[in-house]
Protein backbone atom coordinates (compact mmCIF):
# COMPACT_ATOMS: atom_id res chain seq x y z
CA MET A 1 -69.76 17.63 40.71
CA SER A 2 -69.10 14.88 37.94
CA ARG A 3 -66.40 12.56 38.39
CA LEU A 4 -63.20 13.24 36.67
CA VAL A 5 -61.32 10.69 34.65
CA VAL A 6 -57.71 11.66 33.15
CA ILE A 7 -55.98 9.91 30.46
CA SER A 8 -52.52 10.20 29.60
CA ASN A 9 -49.26 8.36 28.28
CA ARG A 10 -47.85 8.18 31.93
CA VAL A 11 -49.63 8.08 34.99
CA ALA A 12 -48.23 9.13 38.55
CA LEU A 13 -48.78 6.94 40.44
CA PRO A 14 -48.64 6.67 44.36
CA GLY A 15 -45.46 6.35 45.86
CA GLU A 16 -43.77 7.76 42.93
CA ASN A 17 -41.78 10.82 42.36
CA ARG A 18 -44.38 13.69 41.74
CA ALA A 19 -42.03 16.79 40.87
CA GLY A 20 -43.29 17.64 37.77
CA GLY A 21 -45.95 20.38 37.92
CA LEU A 22 -48.79 18.30 35.48
CA ALA A 23 -49.16 15.65 38.13
CA THR A 24 -49.40 18.23 40.77
CA GLY A 25 -52.37 20.04 39.45
CA LEU A 26 -54.05 16.88 38.14
CA LEU A 27 -54.01 14.86 41.12
CA ALA A 28 -55.34 17.88 42.97
CA ALA A 29 -58.37 18.22 40.70
CA LEU A 30 -58.60 14.46 41.30
CA ARG A 31 -58.45 14.60 44.59
CA GLU A 32 -61.09 17.26 44.94
CA ARG A 33 -63.89 15.81 43.02
CA GLY A 34 -62.89 11.65 43.13
CA GLY A 35 -61.72 10.46 39.68
CA LEU A 36 -59.72 7.71 37.68
CA TRP A 37 -56.42 8.35 35.91
CA PHE A 38 -55.61 5.97 33.37
CA GLY A 39 -52.62 5.13 31.48
CA TRP A 40 -49.76 3.58 30.24
CA SER A 41 -47.90 1.38 32.80
CA GLY A 42 -44.38 2.49 31.94
CA ARG A 43 -43.97 -1.69 31.58
CA SER A 44 -43.01 -3.45 28.31
CA VAL A 45 -44.34 -7.18 28.17
CA ASN A 46 -43.49 -10.23 25.85
CA GLU A 47 -46.80 -11.60 25.91
CA ALA A 48 -49.96 -9.49 24.16
CA SER A 49 -50.76 -6.03 25.60
CA GLY A 50 -53.65 -5.58 27.95
CA ALA A 51 -52.68 -6.86 31.67
CA LEU A 52 -54.11 -4.15 33.84
CA HIS A 53 -52.80 -2.69 37.21
CA GLU A 54 -55.00 -1.12 39.63
CA GLN A 55 -54.34 0.99 42.66
CA THR A 56 -56.29 3.20 44.87
CA ASP A 57 -54.99 6.24 47.19
CA GLY A 58 -58.50 8.06 48.83
CA ALA A 59 -60.76 9.03 46.22
CA ILE A 60 -58.28 8.50 43.25
CA ARG A 61 -58.20 5.22 40.68
CA PHE A 62 -55.17 4.50 39.02
CA LEU A 63 -55.30 2.02 36.48
CA THR A 64 -52.54 1.15 33.90
CA MET A 65 -52.10 -1.10 31.16
CA ASP A 66 -48.99 -3.10 30.16
CA LEU A 67 -48.06 -2.97 27.01
CA SER A 68 -46.28 -5.77 24.51
CA LYS A 69 -42.70 -4.50 23.00
CA ALA A 70 -43.80 -4.40 19.54
CA ASP A 71 -46.88 -2.34 20.65
CA LEU A 72 -44.68 0.16 22.36
CA ASP A 73 -42.26 0.19 19.65
CA SER A 74 -44.90 1.11 17.21
CA TYR A 75 -47.27 3.52 18.92
CA TYR A 76 -44.57 5.16 21.56
CA ASN A 77 -41.08 4.90 20.23
CA GLY A 78 -42.23 5.23 17.03
CA PHE A 79 -45.33 6.83 15.63
CA SER A 80 -45.24 9.45 18.75
CA ASN A 81 -41.64 10.12 18.89
CA ARG A 82 -40.36 9.59 15.74
CA ALA A 83 -43.21 11.05 13.42
CA LEU A 84 -45.58 13.23 15.87
CA TRP A 85 -43.08 14.72 17.66
CA PRO A 86 -40.71 15.91 15.38
CA LEU A 87 -43.62 17.20 13.24
CA LEU A 88 -45.22 19.08 16.06
CA HIS A 89 -41.28 20.70 16.99
CA PHE A 90 -41.39 21.54 13.14
CA ARG A 91 -38.62 19.27 11.91
CA LEU A 92 -40.26 17.75 9.09
CA ASP A 93 -36.43 16.49 8.15
CA LEU A 94 -36.25 14.51 11.11
CA VAL A 95 -39.81 12.68 10.40
CA ASP A 96 -40.54 8.75 10.26
CA TYR A 97 -42.81 8.16 7.27
CA ASP A 98 -43.39 4.09 8.36
CA ARG A 99 -46.89 3.50 7.60
CA GLY A 100 -46.40 0.26 10.12
CA LYS A 101 -45.52 2.60 12.88
CA ARG A 102 -48.59 4.67 12.22
CA GLU A 103 -50.92 1.54 12.29
CA GLY A 104 -49.42 0.57 15.72
CA TYR A 105 -50.06 3.73 16.95
CA TRP A 106 -54.28 3.53 16.34
CA LYS A 107 -53.92 0.23 17.57
CA VAL A 108 -52.86 1.03 21.11
CA ASN A 109 -55.29 4.13 21.03
CA ARG A 110 -58.11 1.85 19.92
CA LEU A 111 -56.96 -0.94 22.80
CA PHE A 112 -57.07 1.95 24.86
CA ALA A 113 -60.51 2.93 24.05
CA ASP A 114 -61.86 -0.63 24.70
CA THR A 115 -60.81 -1.07 28.10
CA LEU A 116 -61.68 2.12 28.78
CA ALA A 117 -65.34 2.51 27.31
CA PRO A 118 -66.91 -0.09 29.55
CA ARG A 119 -65.26 2.10 32.75
CA LEU A 120 -66.87 5.09 31.91
CA ARG A 121 -69.92 6.47 33.10
CA GLU A 122 -72.57 8.85 31.42
CA ASP A 123 -71.91 11.96 33.56
CA ASP A 124 -67.77 11.59 33.78
CA THR A 125 -65.71 14.57 32.61
CA ILE A 126 -62.99 13.24 30.55
CA TRP A 127 -59.46 14.99 30.14
CA ILE A 128 -56.87 13.37 27.73
CA HIS A 129 -53.52 14.74 27.98
CA ASP A 130 -51.07 15.29 24.47
CA TYR A 131 -50.23 13.99 21.20
CA HIS A 132 -49.40 10.23 21.99
CA LEU A 133 -53.66 10.05 22.34
CA ILE A 134 -55.10 12.22 19.33
CA PRO A 135 -57.60 9.96 18.33
CA LEU A 136 -58.73 8.53 21.66
CA ALA A 137 -61.83 10.62 22.19
CA ALA A 138 -63.07 9.87 18.55
CA LEU A 139 -62.47 6.08 19.48
CA LEU A 140 -64.49 6.32 22.49
CA ARG A 141 -67.41 8.15 20.66
CA GLU A 142 -67.23 5.45 18.18
CA ARG A 143 -67.92 3.13 21.32
CA GLY A 144 -71.00 5.16 22.67
CA ILE A 145 -69.49 7.12 25.25
CA GLY A 146 -71.16 10.81 24.86
CA CYS A 147 -69.53 12.60 28.27
CA ARG A 148 -67.68 15.75 28.22
CA MET A 149 -64.25 15.15 26.42
CA GLY A 150 -61.43 17.37 26.54
CA PHE A 151 -58.02 17.40 24.96
CA PHE A 152 -54.77 19.31 26.07
CA LEU A 153 -51.73 19.66 23.79
CA HIS A 154 -48.48 20.00 25.98
CA VAL A 155 -46.01 20.58 23.06
CA PRO A 156 -46.59 23.48 20.16
CA LEU A 157 -48.43 23.22 16.86
CA PRO A 158 -46.86 23.73 13.47
CA SER A 159 -48.27 25.25 10.92
CA ALA A 160 -50.88 23.98 8.77
CA ASP A 161 -48.39 23.25 5.85
CA LEU A 162 -46.51 21.29 8.24
CA MET A 163 -49.13 19.53 9.30
CA GLN A 164 -50.42 18.44 5.95
CA ALA A 165 -46.85 17.12 5.38
CA LEU A 166 -47.62 13.90 7.27
CA PRO A 167 -49.39 11.15 5.16
CA GLU A 168 -53.21 10.80 6.49
CA HIS A 169 -52.84 13.94 8.35
CA ARG A 170 -56.80 14.46 7.71
CA ALA A 171 -57.47 11.12 9.47
CA LEU A 172 -55.51 11.81 12.28
CA PHE A 173 -55.86 15.62 13.21
CA SER A 174 -59.75 15.60 12.23
CA ALA A 175 -60.16 13.20 14.96
CA LEU A 176 -59.88 16.14 17.30
CA TYR A 177 -63.26 17.18 16.50
CA ALA A 178 -64.64 14.63 18.42
CA TYR A 179 -63.51 16.87 21.55
CA ASP A 180 -65.65 19.30 23.46
CA LEU A 181 -62.65 21.77 24.30
CA LEU A 182 -59.03 21.57 22.31
CA GLY A 183 -56.40 23.15 25.06
CA PHE A 184 -53.34 24.80 23.37
CA GLN A 185 -50.53 26.45 25.27
CA THR A 186 -50.55 29.59 23.38
CA ARG A 187 -52.75 31.67 21.24
CA ARG A 188 -50.71 30.97 18.15
CA ASP A 189 -50.95 27.70 18.76
CA VAL A 190 -54.44 28.17 18.68
CA ASP A 191 -54.47 30.06 15.58
CA ARG A 192 -52.10 27.85 13.23
CA PHE A 193 -54.80 24.90 14.52
CA GLN A 194 -57.81 26.99 13.42
CA SER A 195 -55.74 27.96 9.94
CA TYR A 196 -55.42 23.56 9.16
CA VAL A 197 -58.88 23.06 9.99
CA ARG A 198 -60.25 25.79 7.32
CA LEU A 199 -57.63 24.87 4.76
CA PHE A 200 -57.17 21.27 5.04
CA ALA A 201 -59.78 19.72 7.30
CA GLY A 202 -63.37 20.86 6.03
CA GLY A 203 -64.06 23.22 9.16
CA SER A 204 -64.86 26.86 9.28
CA LEU A 205 -64.36 29.52 12.17
CA VAL A 206 -67.47 30.43 14.16
CA ASP A 207 -65.88 32.72 16.20
CA ALA A 208 -62.47 33.54 17.95
CA ASP A 209 -62.38 30.13 20.23
CA THR A 210 -64.74 28.38 18.30
CA ILE A 211 -64.76 26.04 14.88
CA ARG A 212 -67.39 24.40 13.72
CA THR A 213 -66.46 20.54 12.03
CA PRO A 214 -67.95 19.42 8.66
CA ASP A 215 -70.64 17.60 10.46
CA GLY A 216 -71.88 20.57 12.30
CA ARG A 217 -70.17 20.16 15.58
CA ARG A 218 -68.93 23.08 17.77
CA VAL A 219 -65.63 22.26 19.13
CA ILE A 220 -64.18 25.40 21.71
CA THR A 221 -60.39 26.02 20.74
CA SER A 222 -58.29 27.87 23.46
CA ALA A 223 -55.61 28.65 24.83
CA PHE A 224 -54.61 27.27 28.47
CA PRO A 225 -50.64 28.71 29.49
CA ILE A 226 -49.45 25.47 31.95
CA GLY A 227 -48.29 27.18 35.02
CA ILE A 228 -46.41 25.67 37.87
CA ASP A 229 -46.67 25.00 41.54
CA THR A 230 -45.11 28.61 42.18
CA ALA A 231 -45.40 28.58 46.22
CA GLN A 232 -44.15 24.70 46.23
CA ILE A 233 -40.92 25.46 43.77
CA ALA A 234 -39.94 28.78 46.15
CA ARG A 235 -40.36 26.95 49.39
CA GLN A 236 -38.21 24.04 47.87
CA ALA A 237 -35.79 26.34 46.42
CA ARG A 238 -35.19 27.83 49.73
CA SER A 239 -35.01 24.57 51.33
CA ALA A 240 -32.09 23.27 48.99
CA VAL A 241 -29.57 26.32 50.23
CA GLY A 242 -27.88 23.49 52.90
CA ASN A 243 -28.68 20.68 50.76
CA LYS A 244 -24.97 18.69 50.10
CA ALA A 245 -25.29 18.87 46.19
CA VAL A 246 -26.06 22.42 46.17
CA ARG A 247 -23.38 23.25 48.78
CA SER A 248 -20.40 21.33 46.92
CA LEU A 249 -21.71 23.15 43.76
CA ARG A 250 -21.12 26.51 45.69
CA HIS A 251 -17.80 25.54 47.16
CA SER A 252 -16.59 24.51 43.51
CA LEU A 253 -17.48 27.71 41.80
CA GLN A 254 -14.60 29.55 43.84
CA HIS A 255 -17.02 32.56 43.94
CA ARG A 256 -17.79 32.91 40.59
CA LYS A 257 -20.86 33.39 38.92
CA LEU A 258 -22.84 30.47 37.43
CA ALA A 259 -25.09 29.92 34.53
CA ILE A 260 -27.31 27.02 34.29
CA GLY A 261 -29.18 24.88 31.40
CA VAL A 262 -31.30 22.24 32.38
CA ASP A 263 -32.74 20.27 29.77
CA ARG A 264 -33.90 16.67 28.61
CA LEU A 265 -31.47 15.36 25.92
CA ASP A 266 -33.64 16.54 23.05
CA TYR A 267 -32.64 18.31 19.65
CA SER A 268 -35.54 20.46 19.97
CA LYS A 269 -33.93 21.87 23.06
CA GLY A 270 -31.52 23.72 21.04
CA LEU A 271 -28.25 22.46 23.03
CA PRO A 272 -25.95 22.59 20.40
CA GLU A 273 -26.76 26.28 19.37
CA ARG A 274 -26.58 26.94 23.11
CA PHE A 275 -23.23 25.76 23.34
CA HIS A 276 -21.87 28.21 20.26
CA GLY A 277 -23.69 30.53 21.83
CA PHE A 278 -21.90 30.73 25.09
CA GLU A 279 -18.32 29.93 23.03
CA ARG A 280 -19.55 33.51 21.16
CA TYR A 281 -19.81 35.12 24.29
CA LEU A 282 -16.29 33.88 25.85
CA GLN A 283 -15.01 35.23 22.22
CA ARG A 284 -17.34 38.71 22.63
CA HIS A 285 -16.76 39.15 25.97
CA PRO A 286 -13.29 38.45 27.25
CA GLN A 287 -14.39 39.86 30.70
CA GLY A 288 -15.99 36.71 31.17
CA ARG A 289 -13.03 34.47 31.16
CA GLY A 290 -12.67 33.22 34.49
CA ALA A 291 -15.72 35.08 35.79
CA LEU A 292 -18.71 32.76 34.83
CA THR A 293 -19.38 29.12 34.59
CA PHE A 294 -21.92 27.43 32.55
CA LEU A 295 -23.36 24.55 34.01
CA GLN A 296 -25.74 22.08 31.12
CA ILE A 297 -27.36 19.48 32.78
CA ALA A 298 -28.85 17.24 30.07
CA PRO A 299 -30.05 13.79 31.10
CA VAL A 300 -30.06 11.00 28.30
CA SER A 301 -34.02 10.49 26.82
CA ARG A 302 -35.07 7.95 24.02
CA GLY A 303 -31.16 7.05 24.27
CA SER A 304 -31.56 4.72 21.97
CA VAL A 305 -32.95 6.58 18.69
CA ALA A 306 -30.01 7.24 16.31
CA GLU A 307 -30.89 11.16 16.65
CA TYR A 308 -30.43 11.25 20.03
CA ARG A 309 -27.26 9.39 19.89
CA THR A 310 -25.92 11.58 17.23
CA LEU A 311 -26.87 14.74 19.43
CA ARG A 312 -24.88 13.31 22.36
CA SER A 313 -21.91 13.04 20.72
CA GLU A 314 -21.97 16.34 19.25
CA LEU A 315 -22.41 17.59 22.63
CA GLU A 316 -19.47 15.43 23.78
CA GLN A 317 -17.18 17.06 20.86
CA LEU A 318 -18.54 20.18 21.38
CA ALA A 319 -17.78 20.73 25.17
CA GLY A 320 -14.33 19.03 24.68
CA HIS A 321 -13.55 22.07 21.72
CA ILE A 322 -14.85 24.82 24.11
CA ASN A 323 -13.06 23.85 26.83
CA GLY A 324 -9.77 23.05 25.51
CA ALA A 325 -10.05 26.55 23.84
CA HIS A 326 -10.96 28.57 26.77
CA ALA A 327 -10.34 26.95 29.93
CA ASP A 328 -7.38 27.78 32.36
CA ALA A 329 -5.51 25.54 35.07
CA ASP A 330 -8.22 26.31 37.81
CA TRP A 331 -11.24 27.29 35.65
CA THR A 332 -13.37 24.99 33.02
CA PRO A 333 -15.85 27.31 31.59
CA LEU A 334 -18.43 24.74 30.46
CA ARG A 335 -19.92 21.49 32.55
CA TYR A 336 -21.67 19.26 30.84
CA VAL A 337 -23.49 16.82 32.68
CA ASN A 338 -25.81 13.55 31.61
CA ARG A 339 -26.96 12.80 34.63
CA ASN A 340 -30.69 13.13 36.92
CA TYR A 341 -30.80 15.37 39.98
CA ALA A 342 -33.57 15.17 42.21
CA HIS A 343 -35.92 18.04 41.39
CA SER A 344 -35.16 19.61 45.08
CA THR A 345 -31.35 19.69 44.16
CA LEU A 346 -32.46 21.08 40.65
CA THR A 347 -34.48 24.33 42.45
CA GLY A 348 -31.33 24.75 44.44
CA PHE A 349 -28.98 24.94 41.57
CA TYR A 350 -31.47 27.63 39.84
CA ARG A 351 -31.20 29.64 43.04
CA GLU A 352 -27.61 29.61 43.10
CA ALA A 353 -27.22 30.59 39.48
CA ALA A 354 -26.79 34.45 38.25
CA VAL A 355 -27.97 33.05 34.59
CA GLY A 356 -30.85 30.62 33.48
CA LEU A 357 -30.02 29.55 29.96
CA VAL A 358 -33.50 28.36 28.13
CA THR A 359 -33.12 28.51 24.89
CA PRO A 360 -35.19 25.82 22.86
CA LEU A 361 -35.35 26.26 19.35
CA ARG A 362 -38.97 24.92 19.75
CA ASP A 363 -41.00 24.45 22.80
CA GLY A 364 -44.63 24.47 24.00
CA MET A 365 -44.41 26.40 27.04
CA ASN A 366 -41.21 25.27 29.10
CA LEU A 367 -41.53 24.80 32.96
CA VAL A 368 -37.87 24.99 33.60
CA ALA A 369 -37.72 28.99 32.88
CA LYS A 370 -40.65 29.40 35.03
CA GLU A 371 -38.93 27.08 37.89
CA TYR A 372 -35.70 29.25 37.54
CA VAL A 373 -37.93 32.50 38.14
CA ALA A 374 -39.51 30.83 41.18
CA SER A 375 -36.73 29.57 42.74
CA GLN A 376 -34.55 32.62 42.83
CA ASN A 377 -33.78 34.77 46.07
CA PRO A 378 -35.89 37.56 46.18
CA ASP A 379 -33.14 40.05 46.96
CA ASP A 380 -30.64 38.66 44.65
CA PRO A 381 -32.50 37.22 41.74
CA GLY A 382 -30.43 35.84 38.51
CA VAL A 383 -31.68 36.46 35.58
CA LEU A 384 -33.68 34.79 33.05
CA VAL A 385 -32.39 34.41 29.31
CA LEU A 386 -34.82 32.90 27.26
CA SER A 387 -36.04 31.80 23.61
CA LEU A 388 -38.52 33.71 21.83
CA LEU A 389 -39.62 30.63 20.44
CA ALA A 390 -40.46 28.90 23.89
CA GLY A 391 -44.44 29.43 25.08
CA ALA A 392 -42.97 30.67 28.24
CA ALA A 393 -41.77 34.09 26.34
CA ASP A 394 -45.44 34.75 26.06
CA GLU A 395 -45.48 35.29 29.79
CA LEU A 396 -42.07 35.88 30.58
CA GLN A 397 -41.75 39.39 28.92
CA GLN A 398 -39.14 40.80 31.94
CA ALA A 399 -36.60 37.92 30.64
CA LEU A 400 -33.69 38.64 28.41
CA LEU A 401 -35.69 37.24 25.33
CA VAL A 402 -33.37 35.75 22.48
CA ASN A 403 -33.47 34.32 18.82
CA PRO A 404 -31.51 31.19 20.06
CA HIS A 405 -30.49 30.56 15.91
CA ASP A 406 -28.43 34.45 16.85
CA LEU A 407 -25.41 33.58 18.41
CA ASP A 408 -24.46 37.17 19.08
CA GLY A 409 -27.64 38.01 20.20
CA VAL A 410 -27.24 34.91 22.49
CA ALA A 411 -23.63 35.72 23.87
CA ASP A 412 -24.68 39.53 24.37
CA ALA A 413 -27.70 38.49 26.58
CA ILE A 414 -25.24 36.31 28.54
CA ALA A 415 -23.17 39.14 29.36
CA HIS A 416 -26.09 41.53 29.92
CA ALA A 417 -27.64 39.15 32.60
CA ALA A 418 -24.27 38.34 34.29
CA ASP A 419 -23.73 42.13 34.50
CA MET A 420 -27.28 43.29 35.07
CA PRO A 421 -27.28 45.61 38.16
CA ARG A 422 -29.25 44.06 41.28
CA ALA A 423 -32.06 46.60 41.36
CA GLU A 424 -32.88 46.32 37.93
CA ARG A 425 -32.49 42.26 37.97
CA ILE A 426 -35.18 42.89 41.28
CA GLU A 427 -37.66 44.80 39.32
CA ARG A 428 -37.45 41.83 36.45
CA TRP A 429 -37.83 39.08 38.53
CA ARG A 430 -40.73 40.48 41.02
CA VAL A 431 -42.72 41.20 37.60
CA MET A 432 -42.75 37.99 36.34
CA MET A 433 -42.59 36.22 39.89
CA GLU A 434 -45.91 38.06 40.36
CA HIS A 435 -47.70 36.40 37.30
CA LEU A 436 -46.40 32.89 38.20
CA GLN A 437 -47.88 33.46 41.79
CA GLU A 438 -51.29 34.54 39.99
CA PHE A 439 -51.20 32.05 36.99
CA ASP A 440 -50.07 28.72 38.62
CA ILE A 441 -50.58 25.19 38.42
CA HIS A 442 -53.77 24.85 40.03
CA ARG A 443 -55.39 27.69 38.68
CA TRP A 444 -54.74 26.08 35.27
CA GLN A 445 -56.56 22.93 35.84
CA ARG A 446 -59.40 24.96 37.29
CA GLU A 447 -59.72 27.09 34.56
CA TYR A 448 -59.68 24.47 31.77
CA LEU A 449 -62.07 22.27 33.69
CA GLN A 450 -64.57 25.29 34.40
CA VAL A 451 -64.30 25.81 30.34
CA LEU A 452 -64.95 22.18 29.87
CA GLU A 453 -67.83 21.58 32.07
CA GLY A 454 -69.22 25.24 30.91
CA ARG A 455 -69.22 26.40 34.26
């Protein structure tokens, strides 16, 4: 079995919090066969980029690189998160078209390629992750690397018309032709990429899962919906019942039902729309007044970016407006919290919640939806209200599926979820939980690597 080389923007280093499902799956694959995980160190330095740090943990070698403040600003804060992130989430109005940031993105990808190429073996299997590193395989090929390379896009892919609105889009997206396997979250994402290939990137379709590039190479394109560590999250949620923060939350509710949302503070998550939907619930379903409390946890991300500061201010104003209009002396309908909680605590919160609100405007998958389901008490599960525009909706069909822009629909779904009979809740939960147990994070990484390696 060949050595596995994983390349991602950030690396799950030994001793760090590895709550994320992706880290669990990739570390399992690396332990099984031995390998290297390479990425940015998380540090920005005043001097030039390039300082390397190495750690080992059993058969796994971790190699990370410092970036200069200027390179980080153009590659990560700039092109990755102010051009590609909004584009890939269908938000052309927020794309930053600064050419300098685009050049900085390519510069850092070239730096990664220069650092990696001499450290790679002829028979390595290389697995590159996400939009930060789209051109990396093409740059490695230029440096003589011929081993099998796969790419997985964790975020959604927009329509071909939106993709071609990015300046020099063909140079970027046709760099994906250097991979042997392109993995996406959903079949819709695969179809959108194939449309882009046909319409704008000079390629053609061989069959449902294979494209032919302009120079005749064949690339497999397929959907691999990412899973979670279902068994571990279920165990964690059971154990969290006695957690101090979970007990405090339970006590504070005073026997009221809880609806919960947990999202990074990001415009793709549809938080203003969710707040308006909850307000519409209070207006349309007065029986819920005083009976249901909505807790929204939204840790601040990319706080230095203007769009995110504006979003935070908007949410604070909305929360104040909703509570001012609907609160009673002994009840606050909306609790809005901008802090991080330990993953174990969050799964305990999920288990307490009668309603899980996962209503992004666009999401590649959304693992919170899956973790909410996995955290439930089998004898008295809550109900998931899920956006149709999240990749998870393809798999979790027993959730109450909503259009996040349809405020009346969201309001009615919250009411339906809060009042759903126990037998129906159990039946809906059971079907979703069986799916999550079968298609977990371990199966995801095994199936991807089997296709990449032609096994």
